[in-house]
Amino acid sequence: MSNRNVKSFIGRNPLPIMPTDAEDAAINRGIAADPENPELDAAWFAAARPASEVLPPAFFAKLTAGSPHAA
């Protein structure tokens, strides 16, 4: 799909299509059944650290170069 088609598709459908309750239940069963990719919980997020603390400084600088959000 070309970029033009993606842009026109997004323009026609600006809101996400939410899953039905049955689809959502199936998605959650799939997440629960996959031990290698668990759903991230509050404890995981509480222990998370900013990329600026865990990446080498030179790599982080290149990664964020030109970003208005870079600190």
N, C-alpha and C. Protein backbone atom coordinates (compact mmCIF):
# COMPACT_ATOMS: atom_id res chain seq x y z
N MET A 1 0.85 -1.18 0.00
CA MET A 1 0.00 0.00 0.00
C MET A 1 0.89 1.23 0.00
N SER A 2 0.62 2.14 -0.88
CA SER A 2 1.44 3.36 -0.94
C SER A 2 1.04 4.31 0.19
N ASN A 3 1.91 5.26 0.47
CA ASN A 3 1.62 6.25 1.50
C ASN A 3 0.35 7.02 1.17
N ARG A 4 0.12 7.29 -0.12
CA ARG A 4 -1.08 8.03 -0.50
C ARG A 4 -2.34 7.29 -0.07
N ASN A 5 -2.35 5.97 -0.27
CA ASN A 5 -3.53 5.18 0.12
C ASN A 5 -3.71 5.16 1.63
N VAL A 6 -2.62 5.09 2.37
CA VAL A 6 -2.71 5.08 3.83
C VAL A 6 -3.29 6.40 4.31
N LYS A 7 -2.78 7.51 3.78
CA LYS A 7 -3.26 8.81 4.20
C LYS A 7 -4.74 8.99 3.88
N SER A 8 -5.16 8.54 2.69
CA SER A 8 -6.57 8.72 2.35
C SER A 8 -7.45 7.82 3.21
N PHE A 9 -6.95 6.62 3.56
CA PHE A 9 -7.72 5.74 4.43
C PHE A 9 -7.87 6.37 5.81
N ILE A 10 -6.78 6.90 6.33
CA ILE A 10 -6.83 7.52 7.65
C ILE A 10 -7.76 8.73 7.62
N GLY A 11 -7.71 9.49 6.56
CA GLY A 11 -8.57 10.66 6.45
C GLY A 11 -10.04 10.31 6.43
N ARG A 12 -10.38 9.16 5.87
CA ARG A 12 -11.79 8.75 5.80
C ARG A 12 -12.28 8.15 7.11
N ASN A 13 -11.38 7.65 7.91
CA ASN A 13 -11.77 6.93 9.12
C ASN A 13 -10.90 7.42 10.29
N PRO A 14 -11.13 8.63 10.79
CA PRO A 14 -10.24 9.18 11.81
C PRO A 14 -10.37 8.54 13.18
N LEU A 15 -11.45 7.83 13.46
CA LEU A 15 -11.63 7.22 14.78
C LEU A 15 -11.26 5.75 14.73
N PRO A 16 -10.64 5.23 15.79
CA PRO A 16 -10.31 3.80 15.80
C PRO A 16 -11.58 2.95 15.84
N ILE A 17 -11.49 1.77 15.29
CA ILE A 17 -12.60 0.83 15.35
C ILE A 17 -12.37 -0.02 16.59
N MET A 18 -13.23 0.12 17.57
CA MET A 18 -13.07 -0.61 18.83
C MET A 18 -13.61 -2.03 18.68
N PRO A 19 -12.96 -3.01 19.34
CA PRO A 19 -13.45 -4.38 19.26
C PRO A 19 -14.77 -4.54 20.00
N THR A 20 -15.53 -5.52 19.55
CA THR A 20 -16.76 -5.86 20.27
C THR A 20 -16.37 -6.50 21.59
N ASP A 21 -17.33 -6.70 22.48
CA ASP A 21 -17.03 -7.36 23.76
C ASP A 21 -16.47 -8.76 23.53
N ALA A 22 -17.02 -9.49 22.55
CA ALA A 22 -16.53 -10.84 22.25
C ALA A 22 -15.10 -10.80 21.71
N GLU A 23 -14.82 -9.85 20.83
CA GLU A 23 -13.47 -9.71 20.28
C GLU A 23 -12.49 -9.31 21.38
N ASP A 24 -12.90 -8.41 22.26
CA ASP A 24 -12.05 -7.97 23.35
C ASP A 24 -11.73 -9.14 24.29
N ALA A 25 -12.73 -9.97 24.56
CA ALA A 25 -12.52 -11.14 25.42
C ALA A 25 -11.53 -12.10 24.76
N ALA A 26 -11.64 -12.30 23.45
CA ALA A 26 -10.72 -13.18 22.73
C ALA A 26 -9.30 -12.62 22.77
N ILE A 27 -9.16 -11.33 22.61
CA ILE A 27 -7.84 -10.68 22.68
C ILE A 27 -7.23 -10.89 24.07
N ASN A 28 -8.02 -10.67 25.11
CA ASN A 28 -7.52 -10.82 26.48
C ASN A 28 -7.17 -12.27 26.80
N ARG A 29 -7.92 -13.23 26.26
CA ARG A 29 -7.58 -14.65 26.45
C ARG A 29 -6.24 -14.95 25.78
N GLY A 30 -6.01 -14.39 24.61
CA GLY A 30 -4.75 -14.59 23.92
C GLY A 30 -3.58 -14.01 24.70
N ILE A 31 -3.77 -12.83 25.27
CA ILE A 31 -2.72 -12.22 26.09
C ILE A 31 -2.42 -13.10 27.30
N ALA A 32 -3.46 -13.55 27.98
CA ALA A 32 -3.30 -14.36 29.18
C ALA A 32 -2.64 -15.71 28.88
N ALA A 33 -2.85 -16.24 27.67
CA ALA A 33 -2.33 -17.55 27.31
C ALA A 33 -0.88 -17.50 26.84
N ASP A 34 -0.29 -16.34 26.70
CA ASP A 34 1.07 -16.21 26.16
C ASP A 34 2.04 -15.84 27.27
N PRO A 35 2.72 -16.82 27.86
CA PRO A 35 3.62 -16.52 28.99
C PRO A 35 4.85 -15.72 28.59
N GLU A 36 5.21 -15.72 27.30
CA GLU A 36 6.40 -14.97 26.87
C GLU A 36 6.11 -13.49 26.65
N ASN A 37 4.84 -13.13 26.60
CA ASN A 37 4.47 -11.73 26.38
C ASN A 37 3.32 -11.35 27.31
N PRO A 38 3.60 -11.28 28.61
CA PRO A 38 2.53 -10.96 29.55
C PRO A 38 2.06 -9.51 29.42
N GLU A 39 0.85 -9.28 29.85
CA GLU A 39 0.35 -7.91 29.88
C GLU A 39 1.12 -7.14 30.96
N LEU A 40 1.53 -5.93 30.63
CA LEU A 40 2.29 -5.13 31.58
C LEU A 40 1.34 -4.56 32.63
N ASP A 41 1.74 -4.69 33.89
CA ASP A 41 0.87 -4.25 34.99
C ASP A 41 1.47 -3.03 35.69
N ALA A 42 0.79 -2.56 36.71
CA ALA A 42 1.22 -1.36 37.43
C ALA A 42 2.60 -1.55 38.05
N ALA A 43 2.92 -2.75 38.53
CA ALA A 43 4.23 -2.99 39.13
C ALA A 43 5.34 -2.86 38.09
N TRP A 44 5.10 -3.33 36.86
CA TRP A 44 6.09 -3.20 35.80
C TRP A 44 6.34 -1.73 35.50
N PHE A 45 5.26 -0.95 35.36
CA PHE A 45 5.42 0.46 35.05
C PHE A 45 6.08 1.22 36.20
N ALA A 46 5.81 0.81 37.42
CA ALA A 46 6.43 1.47 38.58
C ALA A 46 7.94 1.26 38.59
N ALA A 47 8.40 0.12 38.08
CA ALA A 47 9.83 -0.19 38.07
C ALA A 47 10.53 0.32 36.80
N ALA A 48 9.77 0.78 35.82
CA ALA A 48 10.35 1.24 34.56
C ALA A 48 11.20 2.49 34.79
N ARG A 49 12.23 2.63 33.96
CA ARG A 49 13.11 3.79 34.06
C ARG A 49 13.13 4.51 32.72
N PRO A 50 13.38 5.80 32.70
CA PRO A 50 13.45 6.55 31.45
C PRO A 50 14.59 6.05 30.56
N ALA A 51 14.38 6.12 29.26
CA ALA A 51 15.41 5.71 28.31
C ALA A 51 16.71 6.47 28.55
N SER A 52 16.61 7.72 28.94
CA SER A 52 17.82 8.53 29.17
C SER A 52 18.68 7.96 30.29
N GLU A 53 18.11 7.15 31.18
CA GLU A 53 18.86 6.55 32.28
C GLU A 53 19.48 5.20 31.91
N VAL A 54 18.92 4.52 30.93
CA VAL A 54 19.38 3.15 30.65
C VAL A 54 20.14 3.00 29.34
N LEU A 55 20.00 3.95 28.43
CA LEU A 55 20.71 3.88 27.15
C LEU A 55 22.04 4.62 27.24
N PRO A 56 23.02 4.18 26.46
CA PRO A 56 24.27 4.94 26.41
C PRO A 56 23.98 6.37 25.96
N PRO A 57 24.64 7.36 26.56
CA PRO A 57 24.34 8.77 26.24
C PRO A 57 24.42 9.11 24.76
N ALA A 58 25.43 8.60 24.06
CA ALA A 58 25.56 8.92 22.63
C ALA A 58 24.38 8.36 21.83
N PHE A 59 23.95 7.15 22.17
CA PHE A 59 22.83 6.55 21.46
C PHE A 59 21.54 7.32 21.75
N PHE A 60 21.34 7.67 23.00
CA PHE A 60 20.13 8.41 23.36
C PHE A 60 20.10 9.76 22.65
N ALA A 61 21.26 10.42 22.56
CA ALA A 61 21.33 11.72 21.87
C ALA A 61 20.95 11.57 20.40
N LYS A 62 21.45 10.53 19.72
CA LYS A 62 21.09 10.31 18.33
C LYS A 62 19.61 9.97 18.19
N LEU A 63 19.11 9.18 19.11
CA LEU A 63 17.72 8.76 19.07
C LEU A 63 16.77 9.93 19.21
N THR A 64 17.14 10.91 19.99
CA THR A 64 16.25 12.03 20.28
C THR A 64 16.63 13.31 19.54
N ALA A 65 17.64 13.25 18.68
CA ALA A 65 18.08 14.45 17.95
C ALA A 65 16.93 15.04 17.17
N GLY A 66 16.70 16.31 17.37
CA GLY A 66 15.65 17.02 16.65
C GLY A 66 14.26 16.88 17.27
N SER A 67 14.14 16.11 18.32
CA SER A 67 12.84 15.93 18.96
C SER A 67 12.53 17.13 19.86
N PRO A 68 11.32 17.69 19.75
CA PRO A 68 10.97 18.79 20.64
C PRO A 68 10.78 18.33 22.09
N HIS A 69 10.73 16.99 22.30
CA HIS A 69 10.51 16.46 23.64
C HIS A 69 11.82 16.06 24.33
N ALA A 70 12.92 16.15 23.61
CA ALA A 70 14.21 15.76 24.21
C ALA A 70 14.58 16.73 25.32
N ALA A 71 15.06 16.17 26.40
CA ALA A 71 15.43 17.01 27.56
C ALA A 71 16.88 17.39 27.50
